[in-house]
Amino acid sequence: MATLAIFVTMRTVPLPPKQSRKRAGDVVSINVNLAASQANKINNYSSKLLEVKNSLNRVKGNLNNGWNAQEMIYINQTIDSINREVAALSSRLDSIGTDILSGAQQIQRQEEAEERRKAEAETKAKAEAEKKAKAMGN
């Protein structure tokens, strides 16, 4: 079985200054633009994997044109296996990118709906308080 190694680089990101850090109970809003950027990066990785697959197919073709030996059967099978794995990984990455973006958009819609509910409740409470104040004033 062939194995495809993907290397991930990590970088450290400094924390914001102490006074601007979020605390428990703080409202944190989803950043859809950041999620879209991350989804695009993942989709780019998927495209690069497909480029790898195409390059592997070109190598396979070149090998088959220039090397007529019994072991080519095994080499072709191995390349085909690698290509299937690469295609599956690419498909998974596409799916993850789509899920990231749709998840962020769904969270944003929920946040907006919650804000509208709060604003409506606040308006209603204010109107009731004014009504009570008028009733007491009469």
C-alpha atoms as a PDB file:
ATOM      1  CA  MET A   1       0.000   0.000   0.000  1.00  0.00           C
ATOM      2  CA  ALA A   2       1.368   3.359  -0.952  1.00  0.00           C
ATOM      3  CA  THR A   3       1.423   6.204   1.516  1.00  0.00           C
ATOM      4  CA  LEU A   4       1.208   9.893   0.759  1.00  0.00           C
ATOM      5  CA  ALA A   5       2.837  12.146   3.323  1.00  0.00           C
ATOM      6  CA  ILE A   6       1.483  15.651   3.773  1.00  0.00           C
ATOM      7  CA  PHE A   7       3.531  18.021   5.872  1.00  0.00           C
ATOM      8  CA  VAL A   8       1.839  20.761   7.828  1.00  0.00           C
ATOM      9  CA  THR A   9       3.689  23.782   9.065  1.00  0.00           C
ATOM     10  CA  MET A  10       2.557  25.438  12.243  1.00  0.00           C
ATOM     11  CA  ARG A  11       3.252  28.948  13.328  1.00  0.00           C
ATOM     12  CA  THR A  12       2.774  30.586  16.658  1.00  0.00           C
ATOM     13  CA  VAL A  13       0.488  33.546  16.931  1.00  0.00           C
ATOM     14  CA  PRO A  14       0.992  35.976  19.827  1.00  0.00           C
ATOM     15  CA  LEU A  15      -1.897  36.502  22.191  1.00  0.00           C
ATOM     16  CA  PRO A  16      -3.549  39.905  22.197  1.00  0.00           C
ATOM     17  CA  PRO A  17      -2.710  42.278  25.062  1.00  0.00           C
ATOM     18  CA  LYS A  18      -4.306  41.304  28.383  1.00  0.00           C
ATOM     19  CA  GLN A  19      -6.809  44.152  28.413  1.00  0.00           C
ATOM     20  CA  SER A  20      -8.357  43.051  25.105  1.00  0.00           C
ATOM     21  CA  ARG A  21      -8.657  39.322  25.851  1.00  0.00           C
ATOM     22  CA  LYS A  22     -12.140  37.866  25.919  1.00  0.00           C
ATOM     23  CA  ARG A  23     -13.505  36.595  29.197  1.00  0.00           C
ATOM     24  CA  ALA A  24     -16.151  34.012  29.991  1.00  0.00           C
ATOM     25  CA  GLY A  25     -19.538  35.413  29.090  1.00  0.00           C
ATOM     26  CA  ASP A  26     -18.166  37.823  26.483  1.00  0.00           C
ATOM     27  CA  VAL A  27     -19.968  37.713  23.160  1.00  0.00           C
ATOM     28  CA  VAL A  28     -17.721  36.409  20.398  1.00  0.00           C
ATOM     29  CA  SER A  29     -18.959  36.788  16.855  1.00  0.00           C
ATOM     30  CA  ILE A  30     -18.023  34.477  13.990  1.00  0.00           C
ATOM     31  CA  ASN A  31     -15.725  35.941  11.357  1.00  0.00           C
ATOM     32  CA  VAL A  32     -17.168  34.660   8.074  1.00  0.00           C
ATOM     33  CA  ASN A  33     -14.440  36.348   6.032  1.00  0.00           C
ATOM     34  CA  LEU A  34     -11.758  34.482   7.973  1.00  0.00           C
ATOM     35  CA  ALA A  35     -13.673  31.218   7.557  1.00  0.00           C
ATOM     36  CA  ALA A  36     -13.969  31.876   3.804  1.00  0.00           C
ATOM     37  CA  SER A  37     -10.233  32.545   3.635  1.00  0.00           C
ATOM     38  CA  GLN A  38      -9.501  29.298   5.448  1.00  0.00           C
ATOM     39  CA  ALA A  39     -11.911  27.396   3.199  1.00  0.00           C
ATOM     40  CA  ASN A  40     -10.172  28.864   0.138  1.00  0.00           C
ATOM     41  CA  LYS A  41      -6.789  27.746   1.458  1.00  0.00           C
ATOM     42  CA  ILE A  42      -8.114  24.236   1.961  1.00  0.00           C
ATOM     43  CA  ASN A  43      -9.607  24.236  -1.543  1.00  0.00           C
ATOM     44  CA  ASN A  44      -6.225  25.361  -2.891  1.00  0.00           C
ATOM     45  CA  TYR A  45      -4.590  22.406  -1.150  1.00  0.00           C
ATOM     46  CA  SER A  46      -7.162  20.181  -2.802  1.00  0.00           C
ATOM     47  CA  SER A  47      -6.271  21.631  -6.205  1.00  0.00           C
ATOM     48  CA  LYS A  48      -2.586  21.069  -5.526  1.00  0.00           C
ATOM     49  CA  LEU A  49      -3.288  17.444  -4.709  1.00  0.00           C
ATOM     50  CA  LEU A  50      -5.036  17.071  -8.069  1.00  0.00           C
ATOM     51  CA  GLU A  51      -1.962  18.609  -9.717  1.00  0.00           C
ATOM     52  CA  VAL A  52       0.147  15.969  -7.955  1.00  0.00           C
ATOM     53  CA  LYS A  53      -2.188  13.288  -9.284  1.00  0.00           C
ATOM     54  CA  ASN A  54      -1.861  14.641 -12.837  1.00  0.00           C
ATOM     55  CA  SER A  55       1.925  14.758 -12.515  1.00  0.00           C
ATOM     56  CA  LEU A  56       1.939  11.188 -11.286  1.00  0.00           C
ATOM     57  CA  ASN A  57      -0.118  10.159 -14.308  1.00  0.00           C
ATOM     58  CA  ARG A  58       2.407  11.851 -16.604  1.00  0.00           C
ATOM     59  CA  VAL A  59       5.243   9.994 -14.871  1.00  0.00           C
ATOM     60  CA  LYS A  60       3.305   6.759 -15.249  1.00  0.00           C
ATOM     61  CA  GLY A  61       2.848   7.425 -18.964  1.00  0.00           C
ATOM     62  CA  ASN A  62       6.519   8.219 -19.426  1.00  0.00           C
ATOM     63  CA  LEU A  63       7.521   5.070 -17.580  1.00  0.00           C
ATOM     64  CA  ASN A  64       5.183   2.935 -19.663  1.00  0.00           C
ATOM     65  CA  ASN A  65       6.551   4.453 -22.882  1.00  0.00           C
ATOM     66  CA  GLY A  66      10.176   3.925 -21.964  1.00  0.00           C
ATOM     67  CA  TRP A  67      10.234   0.821 -19.841  1.00  0.00           C
ATOM     68  CA  ASN A  68       8.835  -2.489 -21.029  1.00  0.00           C
ATOM     69  CA  ALA A  69       9.304  -4.905 -18.160  1.00  0.00           C
ATOM     70  CA  GLN A  70       7.170  -7.257 -16.085  1.00  0.00           C
ATOM     71  CA  GLU A  71       7.526  -5.070 -12.980  1.00  0.00           C
ATOM     72  CA  MET A  72       5.664  -2.253 -14.751  1.00  0.00           C
ATOM     73  CA  ILE A  73       2.442  -4.054 -13.815  1.00  0.00           C
ATOM     74  CA  TYR A  74       3.249  -3.520 -10.123  1.00  0.00           C
ATOM     75  CA  ILE A  75       4.479   0.024 -10.653  1.00  0.00           C
ATOM     76  CA  ASN A  76       1.266   0.907 -12.519  1.00  0.00           C
ATOM     77  CA  GLN A  77      -0.843  -0.679  -9.785  1.00  0.00           C
ATOM     78  CA  THR A  78       1.023   1.291  -7.139  1.00  0.00           C
ATOM     79  CA  ILE A  79       0.692   4.569  -9.031  1.00  0.00           C
ATOM     80  CA  ASP A  80      -3.028   3.896  -9.558  1.00  0.00           C
ATOM     81  CA  SER A  81      -3.419   3.194  -5.839  1.00  0.00           C
ATOM     82  CA  ILE A  82      -1.635   6.427  -4.950  1.00  0.00           C
ATOM     83  CA  ASN A  83      -3.820   8.305  -7.425  1.00  0.00           C
ATOM     84  CA  ARG A  84      -6.980   6.926  -5.796  1.00  0.00           C
ATOM     85  CA  GLU A  85      -5.737   8.010  -2.370  1.00  0.00           C
ATOM     86  CA  VAL A  86      -4.814  11.473  -3.635  1.00  0.00           C
ATOM     87  CA  ALA A  87      -8.224  11.859  -5.300  1.00  0.00           C
ATOM     88  CA  ALA A  88      -9.968  10.771  -2.092  1.00  0.00           C
ATOM     89  CA  LEU A  89      -7.916  13.251  -0.029  1.00  0.00           C
ATOM     90  CA  SER A  90      -8.684  16.016  -2.498  1.00  0.00           C
ATOM     91  CA  SER A  91     -12.373  15.235  -2.300  1.00  0.00           C
ATOM     92  CA  ARG A  92     -12.272  15.263   1.510  1.00  0.00           C
ATOM     93  CA  LEU A  93     -10.486  18.610   1.523  1.00  0.00           C
ATOM     94  CA  ASP A  94     -13.109  20.077  -0.820  1.00  0.00           C
ATOM     95  CA  SER A  95     -15.809  18.810   1.509  1.00  0.00           C
ATOM     96  CA  ILE A  96     -14.068  20.269   4.569  1.00  0.00           C
ATOM     97  CA  GLY A  97     -13.685  23.650   2.854  1.00  0.00           C
ATOM     98  CA  THR A  98     -17.375  23.693   1.999  1.00  0.00           C
ATOM     99  CA  ASP A  99     -18.319  22.639   5.539  1.00  0.00           C
ATOM    100  CA  ILE A 100     -16.177  25.382   7.087  1.00  0.00           C
ATOM    101  CA  LEU A 101     -17.826  28.091   5.018  1.00  0.00           C
ATOM    102  CA  SER A 102     -21.388  26.820   5.399  1.00  0.00           C
ATOM    103  CA  GLY A 103     -20.871  26.299   9.143  1.00  0.00           C
ATOM    104  CA  ALA A 104     -19.598  29.848   9.576  1.00  0.00           C
ATOM    105  CA  GLN A 105     -22.510  31.230   7.558  1.00  0.00           C
ATOM    106  CA  GLN A 106     -24.988  29.225   9.623  1.00  0.00           C
ATOM    107  CA  ILE A 107     -23.453  30.465  12.866  1.00  0.00           C
ATOM    108  CA  GLN A 108     -23.609  34.031  11.544  1.00  0.00           C
ATOM    109  CA  ARG A 109     -27.316  33.626  10.690  1.00  0.00           C
ATOM    110  CA  GLN A 110     -27.968  32.265  14.190  1.00  0.00           C
ATOM    111  CA  GLU A 111     -26.059  35.160  15.767  1.00  0.00           C
ATOM    112  CA  GLU A 112     -28.024  37.678  13.685  1.00  0.00           C
ATOM    113  CA  ALA A 113     -31.322  36.025  14.632  1.00  0.00           C
ATOM    114  CA  GLU A 114     -30.341  36.127  18.307  1.00  0.00           C
ATOM    115  CA  GLU A 115     -29.455  39.815  18.010  1.00  0.00           C
ATOM    116  CA  ARG A 116     -32.858  40.505  16.421  1.00  0.00           C
ATOM    117  CA  ARG A 117     -34.625  38.570  19.210  1.00  0.00           C
ATOM    118  CA  LYS A 118     -32.733  40.547  21.844  1.00  0.00           C
ATOM    119  CA  ALA A 119     -33.500  43.860  20.133  1.00  0.00           C
ATOM    120  CA  GLU A 120     -37.186  42.959  19.834  1.00  0.00           C
ATOM    121  CA  ALA A 121     -37.332  41.889  23.487  1.00  0.00           C
ATOM    122  CA  GLU A 122     -35.600  45.109  24.507  1.00  0.00           C
ATOM    123  CA  THR A 123     -38.028  47.203  22.449  1.00  0.00           C
ATOM    124  CA  LYS A 124     -40.985  45.316  23.892  1.00  0.00           C
ATOM    125  CA  ALA A 125     -39.709  45.733  27.458  1.00  0.00           C
ATOM    126  CA  LYS A 126     -39.134  49.434  26.855  1.00  0.00           C
ATOM    127  CA  ALA A 127     -42.651  49.869  25.453  1.00  0.00           C
ATOM    128  CA  GLU A 128     -44.158  48.016  28.429  1.00  0.00           C
ATOM    129  CA  ALA A 129     -42.149  50.152  30.863  1.00  0.00           C
ATOM    130  CA  GLU A 130     -43.380  53.324  29.147  1.00  0.00           C
ATOM    131  CA  LYS A 131     -46.940  51.993  29.244  1.00  0.00           C
ATOM    132  CA  LYS A 132     -46.633  51.299  32.967  1.00  0.00           C
ATOM    133  CA  ALA A 133     -45.110  54.698  33.563  1.00  0.00           C
ATOM    134  CA  LYS A 134     -48.012  56.381  31.728  1.00  0.00           C
ATOM    135  CA  ALA A 135     -50.539  54.283  33.631  1.00  0.00           C
ATOM    136  CA  MET A 136     -48.991  55.270  36.954  1.00  0.00           C
ATOM    137  CA  GLY A 137     -48.774  58.899  35.917  1.00  0.00           C
ATOM    138  CA  ASN A 138     -52.511  59.117  35.190  1.00  0.00           C
END
